[in-house]
Amino acid sequence: MDELAAANEVLREKGYGERHLGVHPAPGGRALLKGDRIVAPFSDEAATILRVVRELVPPAAELKGQLRPAELRARMG
């Protein structure tokens, strides 16, 4: 399974539908995390997006408000 498919599987396991949060291919071998649960698309390498989805995106039932790309980047360390 490639990183984009793996990230989308993790999101489904956390309770997100594709319109809420999904990972999509972007130009230059990058990936986008986008949907109505994030303020603006989060763009980075596919491996980084997979890490963010696994480690930083909370389960859908626990999400308060919308995710913010700047906050995700800050929490990446």
PDB file of N, CA and C in Angstrom:
ATOM      1  N   MET A   1       0.860  -1.187   0.000  1.00  0.00           N
ATOM      2  CA  MET A   1       0.000   0.000   0.000  1.00  0.00           C
ATOM      3  C   MET A   1       0.896   1.237   0.000  1.00  0.00           C
ATOM      4  N   ASP A   2       0.594   2.186  -0.868  1.00  0.00           N
ATOM      5  CA  ASP A   2       1.409   3.396  -0.900  1.00  0.00           C
ATOM      6  C   ASP A   2       1.021   4.334   0.247  1.00  0.00           C
ATOM      7  N   GLU A   3       1.815   5.374   0.427  1.00  0.00           N
ATOM      8  CA  GLU A   3       1.619   6.271   1.576  1.00  0.00           C
ATOM      9  C   GLU A   3       0.291   7.023   1.526  1.00  0.00           C
ATOM     10  N   LEU A   4      -0.152   7.403   0.337  1.00  0.00           N
ATOM     11  CA  LEU A   4      -1.428   8.110   0.230  1.00  0.00           C
ATOM     12  C   LEU A   4      -2.581   7.196   0.623  1.00  0.00           C
ATOM     13  N   ALA A   5      -2.565   5.983   0.116  1.00  0.00           N
ATOM     14  CA  ALA A   5      -3.624   5.023   0.461  1.00  0.00           C
ATOM     15  C   ALA A   5      -3.578   4.692   1.950  1.00  0.00           C
ATOM     16  N   ALA A   6      -2.380   4.557   2.500  1.00  0.00           N
ATOM     17  CA  ALA A   6      -2.234   4.259   3.929  1.00  0.00           C
ATOM     18  C   ALA A   6      -2.792   5.410   4.769  1.00  0.00           C
ATOM     19  N   ALA A   7      -2.503   6.644   4.373  1.00  0.00           N
ATOM     20  CA  ALA A   7      -3.001   7.807   5.112  1.00  0.00           C
ATOM     21  C   ALA A   7      -4.528   7.865   5.060  1.00  0.00           C
ATOM     22  N   ASN A   8      -5.104   7.596   3.900  1.00  0.00           N
ATOM     23  CA  ASN A   8      -6.561   7.600   3.790  1.00  0.00           C
ATOM     24  C   ASN A   8      -7.189   6.480   4.611  1.00  0.00           C
ATOM     25  N   GLU A   9      -6.534   5.352   4.686  1.00  0.00           N
ATOM     26  CA  GLU A   9      -7.028   4.245   5.516  1.00  0.00           C
ATOM     27  C   GLU A   9      -7.013   4.640   6.996  1.00  0.00           C
ATOM     28  N   VAL A  10      -5.947   5.296   7.444  1.00  0.00           N
ATOM     29  CA  VAL A  10      -5.866   5.758   8.833  1.00  0.00           C
ATOM     30  C   VAL A  10      -6.988   6.752   9.113  1.00  0.00           C
ATOM     31  N   LEU A  11      -7.229   7.660   8.182  1.00  0.00           N
ATOM     32  CA  LEU A  11      -8.304   8.640   8.367  1.00  0.00           C
ATOM     33  C   LEU A  11      -9.662   7.946   8.473  1.00  0.00           C
ATOM     34  N   ARG A  12      -9.907   6.945   7.640  1.00  0.00           N
ATOM     35  CA  ARG A  12     -11.171   6.199   7.722  1.00  0.00           C
ATOM     36  C   ARG A  12     -11.297   5.508   9.072  1.00  0.00           C
ATOM     37  N   GLU A  13     -10.195   4.927   9.550  1.00  0.00           N
ATOM     38  CA  GLU A  13     -10.205   4.256  10.851  1.00  0.00           C
ATOM     39  C   GLU A  13     -10.495   5.241  11.983  1.00  0.00           C
ATOM     40  N   LYS A  14     -10.102   6.498  11.779  1.00  0.00           N
ATOM     41  CA  LYS A  14     -10.347   7.530  12.797  1.00  0.00           C
ATOM     42  C   LYS A  14     -11.731   8.156  12.653  1.00  0.00           C
ATOM     43  N   GLY A  15     -12.510   7.690  11.686  1.00  0.00           N
ATOM     44  CA  GLY A  15     -13.889   8.145  11.556  1.00  0.00           C
ATOM     45  C   GLY A  15     -14.148   9.262  10.569  1.00  0.00           C
ATOM     46  N   TYR A  16     -13.192   9.580   9.702  1.00  0.00           N
ATOM     47  CA  TYR A  16     -13.369  10.655   8.734  1.00  0.00           C
ATOM     48  C   TYR A  16     -13.812  10.102   7.384  1.00  0.00           C
ATOM     49  N   GLY A  17     -14.809  10.747   6.791  1.00  0.00           N
ATOM     50  CA  GLY A  17     -15.158  10.477   5.408  1.00  0.00           C
ATOM     51  C   GLY A  17     -14.259  11.309   4.513  1.00  0.00           C
ATOM     52  N   GLU A  18     -14.192  10.968   3.243  1.00  0.00           N
ATOM     53  CA  GLU A  18     -13.273  11.673   2.341  1.00  0.00           C
ATOM     54  C   GLU A  18     -13.562  13.161   2.237  1.00  0.00           C
ATOM     55  N   ARG A  19     -14.818  13.558   2.319  1.00  0.00           N
ATOM     56  CA  ARG A  19     -15.118  15.001   2.232  1.00  0.00           C
ATOM     57  C   ARG A  19     -14.684  15.735   3.503  1.00  0.00           C
ATOM     58  N   HIS A  20     -14.583  15.016   4.615  1.00  0.00           N
ATOM     59  CA  HIS A  20     -14.152  15.629   5.876  1.00  0.00           C
ATOM     60  C   HIS A  20     -12.638  15.800   5.905  1.00  0.00           C
ATOM     61  N   LEU A  21     -11.918  14.745   5.615  1.00  0.00           N
ATOM     62  CA  LEU A  21     -10.452  14.784   5.517  1.00  0.00           C
ATOM     63  C   LEU A  21     -10.012  13.679   4.572  1.00  0.00           C
ATOM     64  N   GLY A  22      -9.212  14.052   3.615  1.00  0.00           N
ATOM     65  CA  GLY A  22      -8.682  13.079   2.671  1.00  0.00           C
ATOM     66  C   GLY A  22      -7.300  13.496   2.210  1.00  0.00           C
ATOM     67  N   VAL A  23      -6.516  12.528   1.787  1.00  0.00           N
ATOM     68  CA  VAL A  23      -5.179  12.796   1.274  1.00  0.00           C
ATOM     69  C   VAL A  23      -5.209  12.570  -0.232  1.00  0.00           C
ATOM     70  N   HIS A  24      -4.691  13.544  -0.961  1.00  0.00           N
ATOM     71  CA  HIS A  24      -4.740  13.532  -2.417  1.00  0.00           C
ATOM     72  C   HIS A  24      -3.354  13.829  -2.986  1.00  0.00           C
ATOM     73  N   PRO A  25      -3.048  13.286  -4.166  1.00  0.00           N
ATOM     74  CA  PRO A  25      -1.767  13.605  -4.794  1.00  0.00           C
ATOM     75  C   PRO A  25      -1.723  15.065  -5.224  1.00  0.00           C
ATOM     76  N   ALA A  26      -0.532  15.636  -5.193  1.00  0.00           N
ATOM     77  CA  ALA A  26      -0.314  17.019  -5.612  1.00  0.00           C
ATOM     78  C   ALA A  26       0.907  17.043  -6.539  1.00  0.00           C
ATOM     79  N   PRO A  27       1.065  18.110  -7.296  1.00  0.00           N
ATOM     80  CA  PRO A  27       2.215  18.211  -8.197  1.00  0.00           C
ATOM     81  C   PRO A  27       3.549  18.098  -7.455  1.00  0.00           C
ATOM     82  N   GLY A  28       4.548  17.625  -8.166  1.00  0.00           N
ATOM     83  CA  GLY A  28       5.895  17.551  -7.607  1.00  0.00           C
ATOM     84  C   GLY A  28       6.081  16.418  -6.609  1.00  0.00           C
ATOM     85  N   GLY A  29       5.241  15.396  -6.680  1.00  0.00           N
ATOM     86  CA  GLY A  29       5.380  14.274  -5.769  1.00  0.00           C
ATOM     87  C   GLY A  29       4.924  14.565  -4.352  1.00  0.00           C
ATOM     88  N   ARG A  30       4.226  15.652  -4.177  1.00  0.00           N
ATOM     89  CA  ARG A  30       3.735  16.017  -2.849  1.00  0.00           C
ATOM     90  C   ARG A  30       2.333  15.457  -2.643  1.00  0.00           C
ATOM     91  N   ALA A  31       1.797  15.676  -1.463  1.00  0.00           N
ATOM     92  CA  ALA A  31       0.444  15.238  -1.139  1.00  0.00           C
ATOM     93  C   ALA A  31      -0.274  16.367  -0.408  1.00  0.00           C
ATOM     94  N   LEU A  32      -1.590  16.343  -0.477  1.00  0.00           N
ATOM     95  CA  LEU A  32      -2.423  17.338   0.193  1.00  0.00           C
ATOM     96  C   LEU A  32      -3.367  16.645   1.161  1.00  0.00           C
ATOM     97  N   LEU A  33      -3.438  17.166   2.371  1.00  0.00           N
ATOM     98  CA  LEU A  33      -4.461  16.778   3.328  1.00  0.00           C
ATOM     99  C   LEU A  33      -5.498  17.882   3.257  1.00  0.00           C
ATOM    100  N   LYS A  34      -6.704  17.540   2.810  1.00  0.00           N
ATOM    101  CA  LYS A  34      -7.714  18.587   2.668  1.00  0.00           C
ATOM    102  C   LYS A  34      -9.097  18.028   2.955  1.00  0.00           C
ATOM    103  N   GLY A  35     -10.014  18.937   3.194  1.00  0.00           N
ATOM    104  CA  GLY A  35     -11.395  18.585   3.485  1.00  0.00           C
ATOM    105  C   GLY A  35     -12.041  19.678   4.318  1.00  0.00           C
ATOM    106  N   ASP A  36     -13.275  19.437   4.750  1.00  0.00           N
ATOM    107  CA  ASP A  36     -13.969  20.483   5.499  1.00  0.00           C
ATOM    108  C   ASP A  36     -13.623  20.498   6.987  1.00  0.00           C
ATOM    109  N   ARG A  37     -12.745  19.611   7.434  1.00  0.00           N
ATOM    110  CA  ARG A  37     -12.306  19.600   8.837  1.00  0.00           C
ATOM    111  C   ARG A  37     -10.932  20.247   9.024  1.00  0.00           C
ATOM    112  N   ILE A  38     -10.405  20.850   7.936  1.00  0.00           N
ATOM    113  CA  ILE A  38      -9.122  21.550   8.009  1.00  0.00           C
ATOM    114  C   ILE A  38      -9.306  22.918   7.351  1.00  0.00           C
ATOM    115  N   VAL A  39      -8.760  23.947   7.972  1.00  0.00           N
ATOM    116  CA  VAL A  39      -8.963  25.327   7.520  1.00  0.00           C
ATOM    117  C   VAL A  39      -8.454  25.532   6.092  1.00  0.00           C
ATOM    118  N   ALA A  40      -7.296  25.009   5.778  1.00  0.00           N
ATOM    119  CA  ALA A  40      -6.689  25.127   4.454  1.00  0.00           C
ATOM    120  C   ALA A  40      -5.934  23.839   4.181  1.00  0.00           C
ATOM    121  N   PRO A  41      -5.732  23.481   2.919  1.00  0.00           N
ATOM    122  CA  PRO A  41      -4.991  22.255   2.625  1.00  0.00           C
ATOM    123  C   PRO A  41      -3.587  22.277   3.243  1.00  0.00           C
ATOM    124  N   PHE A  42      -3.159  21.120   3.704  1.00  0.00           N
ATOM    125  CA  PHE A  42      -1.822  20.930   4.270  1.00  0.00           C
ATOM    126  C   PHE A  42      -1.029  20.177   3.216  1.00  0.00           C
ATOM    127  N   SER A  43       0.034  20.765   2.718  1.00  0.00           N
ATOM    128  CA  SER A  43       0.828  20.185   1.645  1.00  0.00           C
ATOM    129  C   SER A  43       2.222  19.825   2.137  1.00  0.00           C
ATOM    130  N   ASP A  44       2.662  18.614   1.789  1.00  0.00           N
ATOM    131  CA  ASP A  44       4.017  18.174   2.149  1.00  0.00           C
ATOM    132  C   ASP A  44       4.306  16.870   1.413  1.00  0.00           C
ATOM    133  N   GLU A  45       5.464  16.292   1.703  1.00  0.00           N
ATOM    134  CA  GLU A  45       5.805  14.987   1.150  1.00  0.00           C
ATOM    135  C   GLU A  45       4.810  13.957   1.670  1.00  0.00           C
ATOM    136  N   ALA A  46       4.552  12.923   0.887  1.00  0.00           N
ATOM    137  CA  ALA A  46       3.572  11.906   1.273  1.00  0.00           C
ATOM    138  C   ALA A  46       3.920  11.254   2.608  1.00  0.00           C
ATOM    139  N   ALA A  47       5.186  11.000   2.857  1.00  0.00           N
ATOM    140  CA  ALA A  47       5.596  10.378   4.122  1.00  0.00           C
ATOM    141  C   ALA A  47       5.281  11.289   5.309  1.00  0.00           C
ATOM    142  N   THR A  48       5.444  12.581   5.129  1.00  0.00           N
ATOM    143  CA  THR A  48       5.144  13.531   6.200  1.00  0.00           C
ATOM    144  C   THR A  48       3.643  13.592   6.461  1.00  0.00           C
ATOM    145  N   ILE A  49       2.857  13.605   5.398  1.00  0.00           N
ATOM    146  CA  ILE A  49       1.400  13.616   5.549  1.00  0.00           C
ATOM    147  C   ILE A  49       0.949  12.358   6.287  1.00  0.00           C
ATOM    148  N   LEU A  50       1.512  11.221   5.941  1.00  0.00           N
ATOM    149  CA  LEU A  50       1.165   9.974   6.627  1.00  0.00           C
ATOM    150  C   LEU A  50       1.493  10.078   8.115  1.00  0.00           C
ATOM    151  N   ARG A  51       2.635  10.630   8.442  1.00  0.00           N
ATOM    152  CA  ARG A  51       3.019  10.814   9.850  1.00  0.00           C
ATOM    153  C   ARG A  51       2.035  11.733  10.568  1.00  0.00           C
ATOM    154  N   VAL A  52       1.666  12.842   9.936  1.00  0.00           N
ATOM    155  CA  VAL A  52       0.723  13.794  10.531  1.00  0.00           C
ATOM    156  C   VAL A  52      -0.621  13.108  10.798  1.00  0.00           C
ATOM    157  N   VAL A  53      -1.100  12.354   9.814  1.00  0.00           N
ATOM    158  CA  VAL A  53      -2.385  11.672   9.953  1.00  0.00           C
ATOM    159  C   VAL A  53      -2.336  10.654  11.098  1.00  0.00           C
ATOM    160  N   ARG A  54      -1.257   9.897  11.169  1.00  0.00           N
ATOM    161  CA  ARG A  54      -1.128   8.880  12.218  1.00  0.00           C
ATOM    162  C   ARG A  54      -0.977   9.483  13.607  1.00  0.00           C
ATOM    163  N   GLU A  55      -0.129  10.514  13.722  1.00  0.00           N
ATOM    164  CA  GLU A  55       0.274  11.003  15.030  1.00  0.00           C
ATOM    165  C   GLU A  55      -0.458  12.249  15.525  1.00  0.00           C
ATOM    166  N   LEU A  56      -0.935  13.091  14.629  1.00  0.00           N
ATOM    167  CA  LEU A  56      -1.439  14.402  15.049  1.00  0.00           C
ATOM    168  C   LEU A  56      -2.923  14.648  14.802  1.00  0.00           C
ATOM    169  N   VAL A  57      -3.508  13.933  13.872  1.00  0.00           N
ATOM    170  CA  VAL A  57      -4.938  14.121  13.611  1.00  0.00           C
ATOM    171  C   VAL A  57      -5.711  13.275  14.623  1.00  0.00           C
ATOM    172  N   PRO A  58      -6.553  13.920  15.425  1.00  0.00           N
ATOM    173  CA  PRO A  58      -7.313  13.163  16.426  1.00  0.00           C
ATOM    174  C   PRO A  58      -8.460  12.391  15.770  1.00  0.00           C
ATOM    175  N   PRO A  59      -9.020  11.414  16.459  1.00  0.00           N
ATOM    176  CA  PRO A  59     -10.222  10.754  15.943  1.00  0.00           C
ATOM    177  C   PRO A  59     -11.321  11.796  15.699  1.00  0.00           C
ATOM    178  N   ALA A  60     -12.160  11.542  14.716  1.00  0.00           N
ATOM    179  CA  ALA A  60     -13.204  12.505  14.348  1.00  0.00           C
ATOM    180  C   ALA A  60     -14.075  12.892  15.531  1.00  0.00           C
ATOM    181  N   ALA A  61     -14.384  11.945  16.393  1.00  0.00           N
ATOM    182  CA  ALA A  61     -15.258  12.220  17.537  1.00  0.00           C
ATOM    183  C   ALA A  61     -14.609  13.163  18.553  1.00  0.00           C
ATOM    184  N   GLU A  62     -13.292  13.272  18.526  1.00  0.00           N
ATOM    185  CA  GLU A  62     -12.575  14.114  19.485  1.00  0.00           C
ATOM    186  C   GLU A  62     -12.185  15.478  18.929  1.00  0.00           C
ATOM    187  N   LEU A  63     -12.342  15.683  17.636  1.00  0.00           N
ATOM    188  CA  LEU A  63     -11.933  16.942  17.011  1.00  0.00           C
ATOM    189  C   LEU A  63     -12.883  18.064  17.416  1.00  0.00           C
ATOM    190  N   LYS A  64     -12.326  19.107  17.964  1.00  0.00           N
ATOM    191  CA  LYS A  64     -13.082  20.302  18.331  1.00  0.00           C
ATOM    192  C   LYS A  64     -12.736  21.390  17.326  1.00  0.00           C
ATOM    193  N   GLY A  65     -13.693  21.825  16.553  1.00  0.00           N
ATOM    194  CA  GLY A  65     -13.420  22.841  15.543  1.00  0.00           C
ATOM    195  C   GLY A  65     -12.751  22.241  14.326  1.00  0.00           C
ATOM    196  N   GLN A  66     -11.853  23.024  13.720  1.00  0.00           N
ATOM    197  CA  GLN A  66     -11.140  22.581  12.523  1.00  0.00           C
ATOM    198  C   GLN A  66      -9.648  22.494  12.809  1.00  0.00           C
ATOM    199  N   LEU A  67      -8.989  21.619  12.060  1.00  0.00           N
ATOM    200  CA  LEU A  67      -7.526  21.541  12.133  1.00  0.00           C
ATOM    201  C   LEU A  67      -6.933  22.759  11.438  1.00  0.00           C
ATOM    202  N   ARG A  68      -5.779  23.183  11.915  1.00  0.00           N
ATOM    203  CA  ARG A  68      -5.069  24.308  11.310  1.00  0.00           C
ATOM    204  C   ARG A  68      -3.682  23.829  10.901  1.00  0.00           C
ATOM    205  N   PRO A  69      -3.335  23.993   9.617  1.00  0.00           N
ATOM    206  CA  PRO A  69      -2.032  23.539   9.142  1.00  0.00           C
ATOM    207  C   PRO A  69      -0.864  24.079   9.959  1.00  0.00           C
ATOM    208  N   ALA A  70      -0.905  25.343  10.347  1.00  0.00           N
ATOM    209  CA  ALA A  70       0.202  25.929  11.119  1.00  0.00           C
ATOM    210  C   ALA A  70       0.357  25.223  12.466  1.00  0.00           C
ATOM    211  N   GLU A  71      -0.753  24.866  13.091  1.00  0.00           N
ATOM    212  CA  GLU A  71      -0.684  24.163  14.383  1.00  0.00           C
ATOM    213  C   GLU A  71      -0.133  22.750  14.196  1.00  0.00           C
ATOM    214  N   LEU A  72      -0.528  22.083  13.100  1.00  0.00           N
ATOM    215  CA  LEU A  72       0.015  20.744  12.827  1.00  0.00           C
ATOM    216  C   LEU A  72       1.522  20.811  12.634  1.00  0.00           C
ATOM    217  N   ARG A  73       1.979  21.804  11.865  1.00  0.00           N
ATOM    218  CA  ARG A  73       3.431  21.966  11.639  1.00  0.00           C
ATOM    219  C   ARG A  73       4.163  22.226  12.950  1.00  0.00           C
ATOM    220  N   ALA A  74       3.609  23.066  13.798  1.00  0.00           N
ATOM    221  CA  ALA A  74       4.233  23.390  15.076  1.00  0.00           C
ATOM    222  C   ALA A  74       4.340  22.141  15.958  1.00  0.00           C
ATOM    223  N   ARG A  75       3.325  21.297  15.919  1.00  0.00           N
ATOM    224  CA  ARG A  75       3.329  20.089  16.739  1.00  0.00           C
ATOM    225  C   ARG A  75       4.240  18.990  16.188  1.00  0.00           C
ATOM    226  N   MET A  76       4.646  19.111  14.920  1.00  0.00           N
ATOM    227  CA  MET A  76       5.540  18.114  14.320  1.00  0.00           C
ATOM    228  C   MET A  76       6.919  18.133  14.949  1.00  0.00           C
ATOM    229  N   GLY A  77       7.322  19.299  15.463  1.00  0.00           N
ATOM    230  CA  GLY A  77       8.612  19.402  16.134  1.00  0.00           C
ATOM    231  C   GLY A  77       9.788  19.463  15.296  1.00  0.00           C
TER     232      GLY A  77
END
